[in-house]
Amino acid sequence: MNPRLHSAQDADTLQVDVAISYSSITPGCACEADPTPMSELPEFATLRIRIRRDTAEATLRVLDN
């Protein structure tokens, strides 16, 4: 799978939209004798990364999925 969804550039910036997959952890209540085990949940997000050419400053924004 190609995680790059879209890219664009101009004289000042580079921009790329990427898809990332990761696992989050949902713990129980952390109480003594808690019967709820920790579980991993598959997650997905789309990010827009913009990089300024003159300073290499990068910004990331989460896009609506």
C-alpha atoms as a PDB file:
ATOM      1  CA  MET A   1       0.000   0.000   0.000  1.00  0.00           C
ATOM      2  CA  ASN A   2       1.291   3.440  -0.895  1.00  0.00           C
ATOM      3  CA  PRO A   3       0.746   5.670   2.153  1.00  0.00           C
ATOM      4  CA  ARG A   4       1.090   8.858   0.069  1.00  0.00           C
ATOM      5  CA  LEU A   5      -2.374   9.980  -1.005  1.00  0.00           C
ATOM      6  CA  HIS A   6      -1.596  13.348  -2.550  1.00  0.00           C
ATOM      7  CA  SER A   7       1.371  15.639  -3.016  1.00  0.00           C
ATOM      8  CA  ALA A   8       1.864  19.189  -4.245  1.00  0.00           C
ATOM      9  CA  GLN A   9       4.618  21.764  -4.298  1.00  0.00           C
ATOM     10  CA  ASP A  10       5.238  25.367  -5.150  1.00  0.00           C
ATOM     11  CA  ALA A  11       8.150  27.760  -4.770  1.00  0.00           C
ATOM     12  CA  ASP A  12       7.642  28.071  -1.008  1.00  0.00           C
ATOM     13  CA  THR A  13       6.298  24.740   0.271  1.00  0.00           C
ATOM     14  CA  LEU A  14       6.105  21.009  -0.174  1.00  0.00           C
ATOM     15  CA  GLN A  15       2.847  19.347   0.845  1.00  0.00           C
ATOM     16  CA  VAL A  16       1.946  15.683   1.135  1.00  0.00           C
ATOM     17  CA  ASP A  17      -1.119  13.879   2.472  1.00  0.00           C
ATOM     18  CA  VAL A  18      -0.268  10.516   4.026  1.00  0.00           C
ATOM     19  CA  ALA A  19      -2.253   7.665   5.532  1.00  0.00           C
ATOM     20  CA  ILE A  20      -0.977   6.083   8.735  1.00  0.00           C
ATOM     21  CA  SER A  21      -2.091   2.965  10.557  1.00  0.00           C
ATOM     22  CA  TYR A  22      -1.260   2.332  14.193  1.00  0.00           C
ATOM     23  CA  SER A  23      -2.534   0.526  17.285  1.00  0.00           C
ATOM     24  CA  SER A  24      -3.819   2.338  20.336  1.00  0.00           C
ATOM     25  CA  ILE A  25      -4.055   0.778  23.766  1.00  0.00           C
ATOM     26  CA  THR A  26      -7.198   0.957  25.868  1.00  0.00           C
ATOM     27  CA  PRO A  27      -6.375   0.084  29.459  1.00  0.00           C
ATOM     28  CA  GLY A  28      -8.819  -1.102  32.082  1.00  0.00           C
ATOM     29  CA  CYS A  29      -9.560   1.169  35.015  1.00  0.00           C
ATOM     30  CA  ALA A  30      -6.175   0.270  36.605  1.00  0.00           C
ATOM     31  CA  CYS A  31      -7.913  -0.685  39.831  1.00  0.00           C
ATOM     32  CA  GLU A  32      -6.655  -3.583  41.901  1.00  0.00           C
ATOM     33  CA  ALA A  33      -8.196  -6.853  40.683  1.00  0.00           C
ATOM     34  CA  ASP A  34      -9.590  -5.124  37.571  1.00  0.00           C
ATOM     35  CA  PRO A  35     -10.864  -7.919  35.286  1.00  0.00           C
ATOM     36  CA  THR A  36     -10.678  -5.712  32.193  1.00  0.00           C
ATOM     37  CA  PRO A  37      -7.488  -6.487  30.261  1.00  0.00           C
ATOM     38  CA  MET A  38      -5.637  -3.929  28.187  1.00  0.00           C
ATOM     39  CA  SER A  39      -6.541  -4.255  24.527  1.00  0.00           C
ATOM     40  CA  GLU A  40      -5.042  -2.956  21.303  1.00  0.00           C
ATOM     41  CA  LEU A  41      -7.321  -1.274  18.792  1.00  0.00           C
ATOM     42  CA  PRO A  42      -6.392  -0.714  15.142  1.00  0.00           C
ATOM     43  CA  GLU A  43      -6.514   2.981  14.241  1.00  0.00           C
ATOM     44  CA  PHE A  44      -6.166   4.963  11.009  1.00  0.00           C
ATOM     45  CA  ALA A  45      -5.539   8.643  10.309  1.00  0.00           C
ATOM     46  CA  THR A  46      -4.805  10.881   7.355  1.00  0.00           C
ATOM     47  CA  LEU A  47      -2.232  13.636   7.887  1.00  0.00           C
ATOM     48  CA  ARG A  48      -1.262  16.648   5.801  1.00  0.00           C
ATOM     49  CA  ILE A  49       2.409  17.533   6.133  1.00  0.00           C
ATOM     50  CA  ARG A  50       3.584  20.942   4.888  1.00  0.00           C
ATOM     51  CA  ILE A  51       7.277  21.817   4.798  1.00  0.00           C
ATOM     52  CA  ARG A  52       8.541  25.345   4.194  1.00  0.00           C
ATOM     53  CA  ARG A  53      11.458  25.277   1.784  1.00  0.00           C
ATOM     54  CA  ASP A  54      13.305  28.250   3.296  1.00  0.00           C
ATOM     55  CA  THR A  55      13.299  27.094   6.938  1.00  0.00           C
ATOM     56  CA  ALA A  56      12.435  23.356   6.737  1.00  0.00           C
ATOM     57  CA  GLU A  57       9.707  24.081   9.308  1.00  0.00           C
ATOM     58  CA  ALA A  58       7.073  21.356   9.135  1.00  0.00           C
ATOM     59  CA  THR A  59       3.451  21.451  10.191  1.00  0.00           C
ATOM     60  CA  LEU A  60       1.161  18.447  10.527  1.00  0.00           C
ATOM     61  CA  ARG A  61      -2.622  18.543  10.402  1.00  0.00           C
ATOM     62  CA  VAL A  62      -5.033  15.670  10.948  1.00  0.00           C
ATOM     63  CA  LEU A  63      -7.544  15.508   8.098  1.00  0.00           C
ATOM     64  CA  ASP A  64     -11.114  14.249   8.409  1.00  0.00           C
ATOM     65  CA  ASN A  65     -11.433  10.634   7.323  1.00  0.00           C
END
